[in-house]
Amino acid sequence: MNAVDANELIQLAIWVTLLISAPVVSSVMIVGLIISVLQALTQIQEVTLTFVPKIIVALLMLIATAPFMGSQVSIFAAKVYGMISSVAG
């Protein structure tokens, strides 16, 4: 494995990480923004009001996007194993 292959592997790993985390992170950000606006409008400053809905949304999004995440990780693992076999063989 040369530097180009290693660079490609690192780039692919970062891309897969961003791709599989994007649905959960974006949904939690949207919920956090909505809750922040509601807190600013009503002047309710309860700490648990921000964390509990975010955790619930994160868990629901993890459940909803688990097949997508698993397939992306599986594709990445297949590419990594293919690169290992090409180097070893």
N, C-alpha and C. Protein backbone atom coordinates (compact mmCIF):
# COMPACT_ATOMS: atom_id res chain seq x y z
N MET A 1 0.86 -1.17 0.00
CA MET A 1 0.00 0.00 0.00
C MET A 1 0.90 1.24 0.00
N ASN A 2 0.65 2.10 -0.92
CA ASN A 2 1.44 3.31 -1.00
C ASN A 2 0.67 4.49 -0.38
N ALA A 3 1.25 5.66 -0.47
CA ALA A 3 0.64 6.84 0.16
C ALA A 3 -0.67 7.23 -0.51
N VAL A 4 -0.80 7.00 -1.78
CA VAL A 4 -2.03 7.34 -2.49
C VAL A 4 -3.19 6.46 -2.01
N ASP A 5 -2.90 5.16 -1.86
CA ASP A 5 -3.94 4.24 -1.36
C ASP A 5 -4.34 4.59 0.07
N ALA A 6 -3.37 4.90 0.90
CA ALA A 6 -3.67 5.27 2.28
C ALA A 6 -4.49 6.55 2.34
N ASN A 7 -4.13 7.51 1.50
CA ASN A 7 -4.88 8.76 1.46
C ASN A 7 -6.32 8.53 0.99
N GLU A 8 -6.49 7.67 0.00
CA GLU A 8 -7.82 7.34 -0.49
C GLU A 8 -8.64 6.65 0.59
N LEU A 9 -8.02 5.76 1.33
CA LEU A 9 -8.70 5.05 2.40
C LEU A 9 -9.13 6.00 3.51
N ILE A 10 -8.27 6.92 3.89
CA ILE A 10 -8.61 7.89 4.93
C ILE A 10 -9.73 8.80 4.45
N GLN A 11 -9.67 9.24 3.21
CA GLN A 11 -10.70 10.09 2.65
C GLN A 11 -12.04 9.37 2.61
N LEU A 12 -12.03 8.11 2.23
CA LEU A 12 -13.25 7.31 2.20
C LEU A 12 -13.82 7.10 3.59
N ALA A 13 -12.94 6.88 4.57
CA ALA A 13 -13.40 6.69 5.95
C ALA A 13 -14.06 7.96 6.49
N ILE A 14 -13.48 9.09 6.21
CA ILE A 14 -14.07 10.36 6.66
C ILE A 14 -15.41 10.59 5.97
N TRP A 15 -15.47 10.30 4.67
CA TRP A 15 -16.72 10.50 3.93
C TRP A 15 -17.82 9.59 4.47
N VAL A 16 -17.51 8.33 4.74
CA VAL A 16 -18.51 7.41 5.27
C VAL A 16 -18.97 7.86 6.66
N THR A 17 -18.04 8.34 7.47
CA THR A 17 -18.40 8.83 8.80
C THR A 17 -19.36 10.00 8.71
N LEU A 18 -19.08 10.94 7.83
CA LEU A 18 -19.97 12.09 7.64
C LEU A 18 -21.32 11.64 7.09
N LEU A 19 -21.31 10.71 6.18
CA LEU A 19 -22.54 10.26 5.54
C LEU A 19 -23.46 9.55 6.52
N ILE A 20 -22.90 8.70 7.37
CA ILE A 20 -23.78 7.96 8.29
C ILE A 20 -24.18 8.78 9.51
N SER A 21 -23.43 9.83 9.82
CA SER A 21 -23.82 10.65 10.98
C SER A 21 -24.72 11.81 10.60
N ALA A 22 -24.80 12.15 9.34
CA ALA A 22 -25.56 13.33 8.90
C ALA A 22 -27.05 13.29 9.26
N PRO A 23 -27.78 12.18 9.06
CA PRO A 23 -29.21 12.20 9.40
C PRO A 23 -29.47 12.46 10.88
N VAL A 24 -28.70 11.83 11.74
CA VAL A 24 -28.92 12.00 13.18
C VAL A 24 -28.53 13.40 13.63
N VAL A 25 -27.37 13.85 13.20
CA VAL A 25 -26.89 15.17 13.62
C VAL A 25 -27.81 16.27 13.11
N SER A 26 -28.23 16.19 11.86
CA SER A 26 -29.08 17.25 11.31
C SER A 26 -30.45 17.27 11.99
N SER A 27 -31.02 16.10 12.26
CA SER A 27 -32.33 16.08 12.93
C SER A 27 -32.24 16.61 14.36
N VAL A 28 -31.17 16.27 15.06
CA VAL A 28 -31.00 16.79 16.42
C VAL A 28 -30.75 18.30 16.40
N MET A 29 -30.03 18.78 15.40
CA MET A 29 -29.83 20.23 15.28
C MET A 29 -31.14 20.96 15.03
N ILE A 30 -31.98 20.42 14.18
CA ILE A 30 -33.26 21.05 13.88
C ILE A 30 -34.14 21.08 15.13
N VAL A 31 -34.20 19.96 15.85
CA VAL A 31 -35.00 19.91 17.08
C VAL A 31 -34.43 20.89 18.12
N GLY A 32 -33.12 20.96 18.24
CA GLY A 32 -32.51 21.90 19.17
C GLY A 32 -32.83 23.34 18.82
N LEU A 33 -32.82 23.66 17.53
CA LEU A 33 -33.16 25.01 17.10
C LEU A 33 -34.61 25.35 17.42
N ILE A 34 -35.50 24.42 17.16
CA ILE A 34 -36.92 24.65 17.46
C ILE A 34 -37.13 24.85 18.95
N ILE A 35 -36.50 24.01 19.75
CA ILE A 35 -36.65 24.14 21.21
C ILE A 35 -36.04 25.44 21.70
N SER A 36 -34.94 25.85 21.15
CA SER A 36 -34.32 27.12 21.55
C SER A 36 -35.22 28.31 21.23
N VAL A 37 -35.86 28.27 20.08
CA VAL A 37 -36.78 29.34 19.72
C VAL A 37 -37.97 29.35 20.67
N LEU A 38 -38.51 28.17 20.97
CA LEU A 38 -39.63 28.10 21.91
C LEU A 38 -39.23 28.58 23.30
N GLN A 39 -38.03 28.24 23.74
CA GLN A 39 -37.56 28.71 25.04
C GLN A 39 -37.37 30.23 25.04
N ALA A 40 -36.90 30.77 23.96
CA ALA A 40 -36.71 32.22 23.88
C ALA A 40 -38.07 32.94 23.87
N LEU A 41 -39.04 32.34 23.20
CA LEU A 41 -40.36 32.97 23.14
C LEU A 41 -41.09 32.90 24.47
N THR A 42 -40.98 31.78 25.16
CA THR A 42 -41.72 31.59 26.41
C THR A 42 -40.90 31.91 27.65
N GLN A 43 -39.61 32.13 27.51
CA GLN A 43 -38.68 32.42 28.60
C GLN A 43 -38.65 31.30 29.64
N ILE A 44 -38.84 30.07 29.17
CA ILE A 44 -38.69 28.90 30.03
C ILE A 44 -37.27 28.41 29.87
N GLN A 45 -36.50 28.37 30.94
CA GLN A 45 -35.10 27.97 30.87
C GLN A 45 -34.87 26.66 31.61
N GLU A 46 -35.59 25.65 31.24
CA GLU A 46 -35.44 24.33 31.85
C GLU A 46 -34.41 23.53 31.07
N VAL A 47 -33.41 22.99 31.76
CA VAL A 47 -32.32 22.28 31.11
C VAL A 47 -32.79 20.98 30.48
N THR A 48 -33.64 20.24 31.18
CA THR A 48 -34.09 18.96 30.64
C THR A 48 -34.98 19.13 29.43
N LEU A 49 -35.54 20.30 29.25
CA LEU A 49 -36.39 20.55 28.09
C LEU A 49 -35.58 20.48 26.80
N THR A 50 -34.30 20.75 26.87
CA THR A 50 -33.48 20.67 25.66
C THR A 50 -32.93 19.27 25.42
N PHE A 51 -32.58 18.55 26.47
CA PHE A 51 -31.91 17.27 26.29
C PHE A 51 -32.86 16.12 25.97
N VAL A 52 -33.98 16.05 26.64
CA VAL A 52 -34.87 14.90 26.46
C VAL A 52 -35.40 14.79 25.03
N PRO A 53 -35.93 15.85 24.42
CA PRO A 53 -36.38 15.69 23.03
C PRO A 53 -35.25 15.36 22.06
N LYS A 54 -34.06 15.92 22.30
CA LYS A 54 -32.93 15.61 21.42
C LYS A 54 -32.55 14.14 21.52
N ILE A 55 -32.56 13.59 22.70
CA ILE A 55 -32.22 12.17 22.88
C ILE A 55 -33.27 11.29 22.21
N ILE A 56 -34.53 11.65 22.37
CA ILE A 56 -35.60 10.87 21.75
C ILE A 56 -35.49 10.91 20.23
N VAL A 57 -35.26 12.10 19.68
CA VAL A 57 -35.13 12.22 18.22
C VAL A 57 -33.90 11.47 17.72
N ALA A 58 -32.80 11.55 18.46
CA ALA A 58 -31.59 10.83 18.06
C ALA A 58 -31.83 9.32 18.04
N LEU A 59 -32.49 8.80 19.06
CA LEU A 59 -32.77 7.37 19.09
C LEU A 59 -33.71 6.96 17.95
N LEU A 60 -34.74 7.77 17.71
CA LEU A 60 -35.66 7.45 16.61
C LEU A 60 -34.96 7.49 15.25
N MET A 61 -34.09 8.47 15.07
CA MET A 61 -33.35 8.55 13.80
C MET A 61 -32.35 7.40 13.67
N LEU A 62 -31.74 7.00 14.77
CA LEU A 62 -30.84 5.84 14.71
C LEU A 62 -31.60 4.59 14.30
N ILE A 63 -32.80 4.42 14.85
CA ILE A 63 -33.61 3.25 14.50
C ILE A 63 -34.04 3.33 13.03
N ALA A 64 -34.45 4.53 12.60
CA ALA A 64 -34.96 4.68 11.23
C ALA A 64 -33.85 4.54 10.19
N THR A 65 -32.65 4.98 10.49
CA THR A 65 -31.58 4.97 9.49
C THR A 65 -30.55 3.86 9.72
N ALA A 66 -30.84 2.94 10.62
CA ALA A 66 -29.90 1.85 10.89
C ALA A 66 -29.60 0.99 9.65
N PRO A 67 -30.59 0.64 8.83
CA PRO A 67 -30.24 -0.14 7.63
C PRO A 67 -29.32 0.61 6.68
N PHE A 68 -29.55 1.91 6.51
CA PHE A 68 -28.69 2.73 5.66
C PHE A 68 -27.27 2.79 6.22
N MET A 69 -27.16 3.01 7.52
CA MET A 69 -25.85 3.08 8.16
C MET A 69 -25.11 1.76 8.04
N GLY A 70 -25.81 0.68 8.28
CA GLY A 70 -25.19 -0.64 8.17
C GLY A 70 -24.72 -0.95 6.77
N SER A 71 -25.52 -0.58 5.79
CA SER A 71 -25.10 -0.85 4.40
C SER A 71 -23.88 -0.02 4.03
N GLN A 72 -23.80 1.23 4.48
CA GLN A 72 -22.65 2.07 4.17
C GLN A 72 -21.38 1.54 4.83
N VAL A 73 -21.50 1.09 6.06
CA VAL A 73 -20.34 0.53 6.75
C VAL A 73 -19.93 -0.79 6.10
N SER A 74 -20.91 -1.58 5.65
CA SER A 74 -20.61 -2.83 4.98
C SER A 74 -19.89 -2.59 3.65
N ILE A 75 -20.33 -1.61 2.89
CA ILE A 75 -19.67 -1.26 1.63
C ILE A 75 -18.24 -0.80 1.89
N PHE A 76 -18.07 0.03 2.92
CA PHE A 76 -16.73 0.50 3.28
C PHE A 76 -15.83 -0.65 3.69
N ALA A 77 -16.36 -1.57 4.51
CA ALA A 77 -15.56 -2.71 4.95
C ALA A 77 -15.17 -3.59 3.76
N ALA A 78 -16.08 -3.78 2.82
CA ALA A 78 -15.76 -4.58 1.63
C ALA A 78 -14.63 -3.93 0.83
N LYS A 79 -14.66 -2.59 0.71
CA LYS A 79 -13.58 -1.89 0.00
C LYS A 79 -12.25 -2.03 0.73
N VAL A 80 -12.29 -1.92 2.06
CA VAL A 80 -11.06 -2.05 2.85
C VAL A 80 -10.50 -3.46 2.72
N TYR A 81 -11.37 -4.47 2.82
CA TYR A 81 -10.90 -5.85 2.69
C TYR A 81 -10.36 -6.11 1.28
N GLY A 82 -10.99 -5.50 0.29
CA GLY A 82 -10.49 -5.62 -1.08
C GLY A 82 -9.10 -5.01 -1.23
N MET A 83 -8.89 -3.88 -0.58
CA MET A 83 -7.57 -3.25 -0.63
C MET A 83 -6.53 -4.10 0.10
N ILE A 84 -6.94 -4.72 1.21
CA ILE A 84 -6.02 -5.57 1.95
C ILE A 84 -5.64 -6.79 1.12
N SER A 85 -6.62 -7.39 0.47
CA SER A 85 -6.32 -8.58 -0.33
C SER A 85 -5.47 -8.24 -1.55
N SER A 86 -5.64 -7.05 -2.10
CA SER A 86 -4.81 -6.67 -3.24
C SER A 86 -3.37 -6.39 -2.82
N VAL A 87 -3.19 -5.91 -1.61
CA VAL A 87 -1.83 -5.66 -1.11
C VAL A 87 -1.17 -6.98 -0.73
N ALA A 88 -1.92 -7.86 -0.09
CA ALA A 88 -1.36 -9.12 0.39
C ALA A 88 -1.11 -10.10 -0.75
N GLY A 89 -1.93 -10.00 -1.80
CA GLY A 89 -1.85 -10.99 -2.87
C GLY A 89 -0.99 -10.62 -3.97
